[in-house]
């Protein structure tokens, strides 16, 4: 009987730790993100060249409306030894974390 109680306590402890740790992950505010619309990857001369099209967010949420006569897409190009290095370079250049929308990223 005592062994059973210990097992129940251990299972409850593991479940509590799992639930608590999953909700306290790294959270990024929406103002610190930029949405990736399209991504292209080229490999030449031993380097990856990543081109990203992201939505401009400078005037979103402000008092002035967006100017629909102008493009709201920004293109960023970065190089790196790996694709991840190039993407990190793009994030550094943009000053925001890139959010890759999972339902729209298709490889052709």
C-alpha atoms as a PDB file:
ATOM      1  CA  UNK A   1       0.000   0.000   0.000  1.00  0.00           C
ATOM      2  CA  UNK A   2       2.825   2.392   0.854  1.00  0.00           C
ATOM      3  CA  UNK A   3       4.536   1.609  -2.453  1.00  0.00           C
ATOM      4  CA  UNK A   4       1.337   2.512  -4.305  1.00  0.00           C
ATOM      5  CA  UNK A   5       1.137   5.901  -2.535  1.00  0.00           C
ATOM      6  CA  UNK A   6       4.730   6.675  -3.497  1.00  0.00           C
ATOM      7  CA  UNK A   7       4.002   5.810  -7.125  1.00  0.00           C
ATOM      8  CA  UNK A   8       0.947   8.084  -7.155  1.00  0.00           C
ATOM      9  CA  UNK A   9       2.923  10.948  -5.597  1.00  0.00           C
ATOM     10  CA  UNK A  10       5.743  10.539  -8.145  1.00  0.00           C
ATOM     11  CA  UNK A  11       3.304  10.496 -11.082  1.00  0.00           C
ATOM     12  CA  UNK A  12       1.477  13.577  -9.774  1.00  0.00           C
ATOM     13  CA  UNK A  13       4.791  15.370  -9.223  1.00  0.00           C
ATOM     14  CA  UNK A  14       5.957  14.614 -12.774  1.00  0.00           C
ATOM     15  CA  UNK A  15       2.611  15.736 -14.200  1.00  0.00           C
ATOM     16  CA  UNK A  16       2.724  18.991 -12.195  1.00  0.00           C
ATOM     17  CA  UNK A  17       6.287  19.764 -13.282  1.00  0.00           C
ATOM     18  CA  UNK A  18       5.400  19.054 -16.929  1.00  0.00           C
ATOM     19  CA  UNK A  19       2.336  21.295 -16.854  1.00  0.00           C
ATOM     20  CA  UNK A  20       4.092  24.144 -15.074  1.00  0.00           C
ATOM     21  CA  UNK A  21       7.208  24.079 -17.222  1.00  0.00           C
ATOM     22  CA  UNK A  22       5.246  24.048 -20.468  1.00  0.00           C
ATOM     23  CA  UNK A  23       3.403  27.261 -19.638  1.00  0.00           C
ATOM     24  CA  UNK A  24       6.513  29.153 -18.550  1.00  0.00           C
ATOM     25  CA  UNK A  25       8.406  28.858 -21.838  1.00  0.00           C
ATOM     26  CA  UNK A  26      10.051  31.688 -23.696  1.00  0.00           C
ATOM     27  CA  UNK A  27       7.286  34.050 -24.685  1.00  0.00           C
ATOM     28  CA  UNK A  28       7.738  36.710 -27.344  1.00  0.00           C
ATOM     29  CA  UNK A  29       5.403  39.677 -27.652  1.00  0.00           C
ATOM     30  CA  UNK A  30       3.742  40.211 -31.002  1.00  0.00           C
ATOM     31  CA  UNK A  31       5.524  43.568 -31.335  1.00  0.00           C
ATOM     32  CA  UNK A  32       8.852  41.712 -31.242  1.00  0.00           C
ATOM     33  CA  UNK A  33       7.945  39.388 -34.125  1.00  0.00           C
ATOM     34  CA  UNK A  34       7.720  39.728 -37.874  1.00  0.00           C
ATOM     35  CA  UNK A  35       5.646  37.375 -40.032  1.00  0.00           C
ATOM     36  CA  UNK A  36       7.491  35.577 -42.826  1.00  0.00           C
ATOM     37  CA  UNK A  37       5.471  35.537 -46.033  1.00  0.00           C
ATOM     38  CA  UNK A  38       7.923  33.667 -48.294  1.00  0.00           C
ATOM     39  CA  UNK A  39      11.406  32.177 -48.039  1.00  0.00           C
ATOM     40  CA  UNK A  40      13.995  31.180 -50.630  1.00  0.00           C
ATOM     41  CA  UNK A  41      17.272  29.338 -50.037  1.00  0.00           C
ATOM     42  CA  UNK A  42      20.243  29.218 -52.414  1.00  0.00           C
ATOM     43  CA  UNK A  43      23.553  27.424 -51.891  1.00  0.00           C
ATOM     44  CA  UNK A  44      26.608  28.799 -53.657  1.00  0.00           C
ATOM     45  CA  UNK A  45      30.318  29.017 -52.888  1.00  0.00           C
ATOM     46  CA  UNK A  46      29.900  27.056 -49.652  1.00  0.00           C
ATOM     47  CA  UNK A  47      27.346  29.465 -48.179  1.00  0.00           C
ATOM     48  CA  UNK A  48      23.596  29.526 -47.865  1.00  0.00           C
ATOM     49  CA  UNK A  49      21.822  32.639 -49.084  1.00  0.00           C
ATOM     50  CA  UNK A  50      18.402  33.043 -47.472  1.00  0.00           C
ATOM     51  CA  UNK A  51      15.912  35.519 -48.916  1.00  0.00           C
ATOM     52  CA  UNK A  52      12.847  36.342 -46.848  1.00  0.00           C
ATOM     53  CA  UNK A  53       9.747  38.333 -47.621  1.00  0.00           C
ATOM     54  CA  UNK A  54       8.211  39.642 -44.413  1.00  0.00           C
ATOM     55  CA  UNK A  55       5.255  41.869 -43.723  1.00  0.00           C
ATOM     56  CA  UNK A  56       6.148  45.442 -42.743  1.00  0.00           C
ATOM     57  CA  UNK A  57       4.758  46.297 -39.339  1.00  0.00           C
ATOM     58  CA  UNK A  58       6.070  49.832 -38.797  1.00  0.00           C
ATOM     59  CA  UNK A  59       2.716  51.564 -39.150  1.00  0.00           C
ATOM     60  CA  UNK A  60       0.439  48.788 -37.952  1.00  0.00           C
ATOM     61  CA  UNK A  61      -1.325  49.602 -34.725  1.00  0.00           C
ATOM     62  CA  UNK A  62      -0.650  53.304 -35.040  1.00  0.00           C
ATOM     63  CA  UNK A  63      -3.228  56.065 -35.340  1.00  0.00           C
ATOM     64  CA  UNK A  64      -2.616  56.475 -39.064  1.00  0.00           C
ATOM     65  CA  UNK A  65      -4.003  53.840 -41.442  1.00  0.00           C
ATOM     66  CA  UNK A  66      -1.796  51.794 -43.756  1.00  0.00           C
ATOM     67  CA  UNK A  67      -1.164  53.232 -47.186  1.00  0.00           C
ATOM     68  CA  UNK A  68      -2.661  50.609 -49.501  1.00  0.00           C
ATOM     69  CA  UNK A  69      -1.038  52.197 -52.548  1.00  0.00           C
ATOM     70  CA  UNK A  70       2.387  51.030 -51.321  1.00  0.00           C
ATOM     71  CA  UNK A  71       3.738  47.532 -50.723  1.00  0.00           C
ATOM     72  CA  UNK A  72       3.603  46.162 -47.204  1.00  0.00           C
ATOM     73  CA  UNK A  73       6.293  43.551 -47.972  1.00  0.00           C
ATOM     74  CA  UNK A  74       9.964  43.895 -47.056  1.00  0.00           C
ATOM     75  CA  UNK A  75      12.678  41.678 -48.567  1.00  0.00           C
ATOM     76  CA  UNK A  76      15.727  40.659 -46.528  1.00  0.00           C
ATOM     77  CA  UNK A  77      18.773  38.714 -47.781  1.00  0.00           C
ATOM     78  CA  UNK A  78      21.421  37.164 -45.551  1.00  0.00           C
ATOM     79  CA  UNK A  79      24.226  34.623 -45.931  1.00  0.00           C
ATOM     80  CA  UNK A  80      25.555  32.042 -43.518  1.00  0.00           C
ATOM     81  CA  UNK A  81      27.408  28.744 -43.181  1.00  0.00           C
ATOM     82  CA  UNK A  82      24.069  27.084 -42.445  1.00  0.00           C
ATOM     83  CA  UNK A  83      20.449  27.984 -43.091  1.00  0.00           C
ATOM     84  CA  UNK A  84      19.981  28.683 -39.386  1.00  0.00           C
ATOM     85  CA  UNK A  85      22.964  31.084 -39.376  1.00  0.00           C
ATOM     86  CA  UNK A  86      21.511  32.956 -42.338  1.00  0.00           C
ATOM     87  CA  UNK A  87      18.078  33.199 -40.680  1.00  0.00           C
ATOM     88  CA  UNK A  88      19.696  34.506 -37.483  1.00  0.00           C
ATOM     89  CA  UNK A  89      21.451  37.139 -39.606  1.00  0.00           C
ATOM     90  CA  UNK A  90      18.085  38.170 -41.043  1.00  0.00           C
ATOM     91  CA  UNK A  91      16.627  38.417 -37.533  1.00  0.00           C
ATOM     92  CA  UNK A  92      19.553  40.608 -36.501  1.00  0.00           C
ATOM     93  CA  UNK A  93      19.059  42.802 -39.568  1.00  0.00           C
ATOM     94  CA  UNK A  94      15.311  43.154 -38.899  1.00  0.00           C
ATOM     95  CA  UNK A  95      15.701  43.563 -35.148  1.00  0.00           C
ATOM     96  CA  UNK A  96      12.802  41.168 -34.546  1.00  0.00           C
ATOM     97  CA  UNK A  97      12.199  37.452 -34.241  1.00  0.00           C
ATOM     98  CA  UNK A  98      10.933  35.885 -37.449  1.00  0.00           C
ATOM     99  CA  UNK A  99       7.681  33.949 -37.138  1.00  0.00           C
ATOM    100  CA  UNK A 100       7.334  31.240 -39.760  1.00  0.00           C
ATOM    101  CA  UNK A 101       3.649  30.613 -40.267  1.00  0.00           C
ATOM    102  CA  UNK A 102       3.470  26.790 -40.380  1.00  0.00           C
ATOM    103  CA  UNK A 103       0.444  26.527 -42.644  1.00  0.00           C
ATOM    104  CA  UNK A 104       1.935  28.682 -45.397  1.00  0.00           C
ATOM    105  CA  UNK A 105       5.485  27.329 -45.651  1.00  0.00           C
ATOM    106  CA  UNK A 106       5.479  24.860 -48.530  1.00  0.00           C
ATOM    107  CA  UNK A 107       8.586  23.582 -50.269  1.00  0.00           C
ATOM    108  CA  UNK A 108       8.503  23.559 -54.052  1.00  0.00           C
END
